[in-house]
């Protein structure tokens, strides 16, 4: 699994696939103030992006990968 959940923060690492979307959704819904760290994310499936857009958790770090960050920042920067 490419998501590690620790102390109110979901760490999305490497390739986050469609298979991760449901668990991400459930985890985010179960928290009052969830945070998401994308620093080590290298690929984010559109299903996972839709979960993030729908639930609007605090994004504590954008991907280090400049190209991926460039695609995600306009949509997720409003967090």
C-alpha atoms as a PDB file:
ATOM      1  CA  UNK A   1       0.000   0.000   0.000  1.00  0.00           C
ATOM      2  CA  UNK A   2       1.332   3.408  -0.893  1.00  0.00           C
ATOM      3  CA  UNK A   3      -0.368   5.336   1.921  1.00  0.00           C
ATOM      4  CA  UNK A   4       0.847   5.369   5.498  1.00  0.00           C
ATOM      5  CA  UNK A   5      -1.498   6.756   8.141  1.00  0.00           C
ATOM      6  CA  UNK A   6       0.171   8.242  11.223  1.00  0.00           C
ATOM      7  CA  UNK A   7      -1.244  10.598  13.857  1.00  0.00           C
ATOM      8  CA  UNK A   8      -3.795  12.405  11.756  1.00  0.00           C
ATOM      9  CA  UNK A   9      -1.614  12.606   8.640  1.00  0.00           C
ATOM     10  CA  UNK A  10      -1.805  10.441   5.537  1.00  0.00           C
ATOM     11  CA  UNK A  11       1.576  10.104   3.846  1.00  0.00           C
ATOM     12  CA  UNK A  12       1.077   9.363   0.151  1.00  0.00           C
ATOM     13  CA  UNK A  13       4.202   7.715  -1.222  1.00  0.00           C
ATOM     14  CA  UNK A  14       5.340   6.567  -4.625  1.00  0.00           C
ATOM     15  CA  UNK A  15       2.452   5.631  -6.953  1.00  0.00           C
ATOM     16  CA  UNK A  16      -0.949   6.094  -5.310  1.00  0.00           C
ATOM     17  CA  UNK A  17      -3.357   4.025  -7.397  1.00  0.00           C
ATOM     18  CA  UNK A  18      -7.081   3.628  -7.816  1.00  0.00           C
ATOM     19  CA  UNK A  19      -6.967   0.773  -5.300  1.00  0.00           C
ATOM     20  CA  UNK A  20      -5.977   3.305  -2.611  1.00  0.00           C
ATOM     21  CA  UNK A  21      -8.921   5.649  -3.156  1.00  0.00           C
ATOM     22  CA  UNK A  22     -11.490   3.878  -0.992  1.00  0.00           C
ATOM     23  CA  UNK A  23      -9.231   3.533   2.039  1.00  0.00           C
ATOM     24  CA  UNK A  24      -8.135   7.164   1.664  1.00  0.00           C
ATOM     25  CA  UNK A  25     -11.764   8.279   1.515  1.00  0.00           C
ATOM     26  CA  UNK A  26     -12.710   6.272   4.604  1.00  0.00           C
ATOM     27  CA  UNK A  27      -9.682   7.468   6.562  1.00  0.00           C
ATOM     28  CA  UNK A  28     -10.314  11.125   5.708  1.00  0.00           C
ATOM     29  CA  UNK A  29     -14.002  10.874   6.594  1.00  0.00           C
ATOM     30  CA  UNK A  30     -13.160   9.402  10.009  1.00  0.00           C
ATOM     31  CA  UNK A  31     -10.963  12.373  11.024  1.00  0.00           C
ATOM     32  CA  UNK A  32     -11.950  15.862  12.196  1.00  0.00           C
ATOM     33  CA  UNK A  33      -8.904  17.655  10.781  1.00  0.00           C
ATOM     34  CA  UNK A  34      -7.023  15.277   8.507  1.00  0.00           C
ATOM     35  CA  UNK A  35      -3.746  16.237   6.902  1.00  0.00           C
ATOM     36  CA  UNK A  36      -2.135  14.851   3.759  1.00  0.00           C
ATOM     37  CA  UNK A  37       1.567  14.839   2.947  1.00  0.00           C
ATOM     38  CA  UNK A  38       2.306  14.399  -0.763  1.00  0.00           C
ATOM     39  CA  UNK A  39       6.073  15.018  -0.575  1.00  0.00           C
ATOM     40  CA  UNK A  40       7.043  11.482  -1.618  1.00  0.00           C
ATOM     41  CA  UNK A  41       4.181  10.954  -4.069  1.00  0.00           C
ATOM     42  CA  UNK A  42       5.312  10.290  -7.633  1.00  0.00           C
ATOM     43  CA  UNK A  43       1.922   9.416  -9.175  1.00  0.00           C
ATOM     44  CA  UNK A  44      -1.622  10.190  -8.044  1.00  0.00           C
ATOM     45  CA  UNK A  45      -4.535   8.432  -9.730  1.00  0.00           C
ATOM     46  CA  UNK A  46      -7.441  10.712 -10.605  1.00  0.00           C
ATOM     47  CA  UNK A  47      -9.714   8.795  -8.176  1.00  0.00           C
ATOM     48  CA  UNK A  48      -7.423   9.770  -5.303  1.00  0.00           C
ATOM     49  CA  UNK A  49      -7.292  13.348  -6.532  1.00  0.00           C
ATOM     50  CA  UNK A  50     -11.092  13.461  -6.566  1.00  0.00           C
ATOM     51  CA  UNK A  51     -11.158  12.238  -2.970  1.00  0.00           C
ATOM     52  CA  UNK A  52      -8.784  15.043  -1.983  1.00  0.00           C
ATOM     53  CA  UNK A  53     -10.811  17.622  -3.884  1.00  0.00           C
ATOM     54  CA  UNK A  54     -14.097  16.454  -2.384  1.00  0.00           C
ATOM     55  CA  UNK A  55     -12.975  16.295   1.246  1.00  0.00           C
ATOM     56  CA  UNK A  56     -10.408  19.111   1.232  1.00  0.00           C
ATOM     57  CA  UNK A  57      -7.947  17.893   3.878  1.00  0.00           C
ATOM     58  CA  UNK A  58      -5.060  20.167   4.807  1.00  0.00           C
ATOM     59  CA  UNK A  59      -2.182  19.553   2.405  1.00  0.00           C
ATOM     60  CA  UNK A  60       0.996  19.827   4.470  1.00  0.00           C
ATOM     61  CA  UNK A  61       3.452  19.134   1.637  1.00  0.00           C
ATOM     62  CA  UNK A  62       3.192  19.099  -2.135  1.00  0.00           C
ATOM     63  CA  UNK A  63       5.122  16.497  -4.173  1.00  0.00           C
ATOM     64  CA  UNK A  64       8.872  16.976  -4.502  1.00  0.00           C
ATOM     65  CA  UNK A  65       8.446  15.910  -8.118  1.00  0.00           C
ATOM     66  CA  UNK A  66       8.176  19.302  -9.833  1.00  0.00           C
ATOM     67  CA  UNK A  67       6.064  18.079 -12.739  1.00  0.00           C
ATOM     68  CA  UNK A  68       3.497  16.385 -10.488  1.00  0.00           C
ATOM     69  CA  UNK A  69       3.438  19.366  -8.139  1.00  0.00           C
ATOM     70  CA  UNK A  70       2.840  21.622 -11.125  1.00  0.00           C
ATOM     71  CA  UNK A  71      -0.241  19.623 -12.076  1.00  0.00           C
ATOM     72  CA  UNK A  72      -1.610  19.351  -8.535  1.00  0.00           C
ATOM     73  CA  UNK A  73      -0.823  22.756  -7.061  1.00  0.00           C
ATOM     74  CA  UNK A  74      -3.542  24.738  -8.885  1.00  0.00           C
ATOM     75  CA  UNK A  75      -6.245  22.375  -7.642  1.00  0.00           C
ATOM     76  CA  UNK A  76      -4.969  21.624  -4.167  1.00  0.00           C
ATOM     77  CA  UNK A  77      -3.293  24.910  -3.218  1.00  0.00           C
ATOM     78  CA  UNK A  78      -6.552  26.364  -1.906  1.00  0.00           C
ATOM     79  CA  UNK A  79      -6.355  24.075   1.153  1.00  0.00           C
END
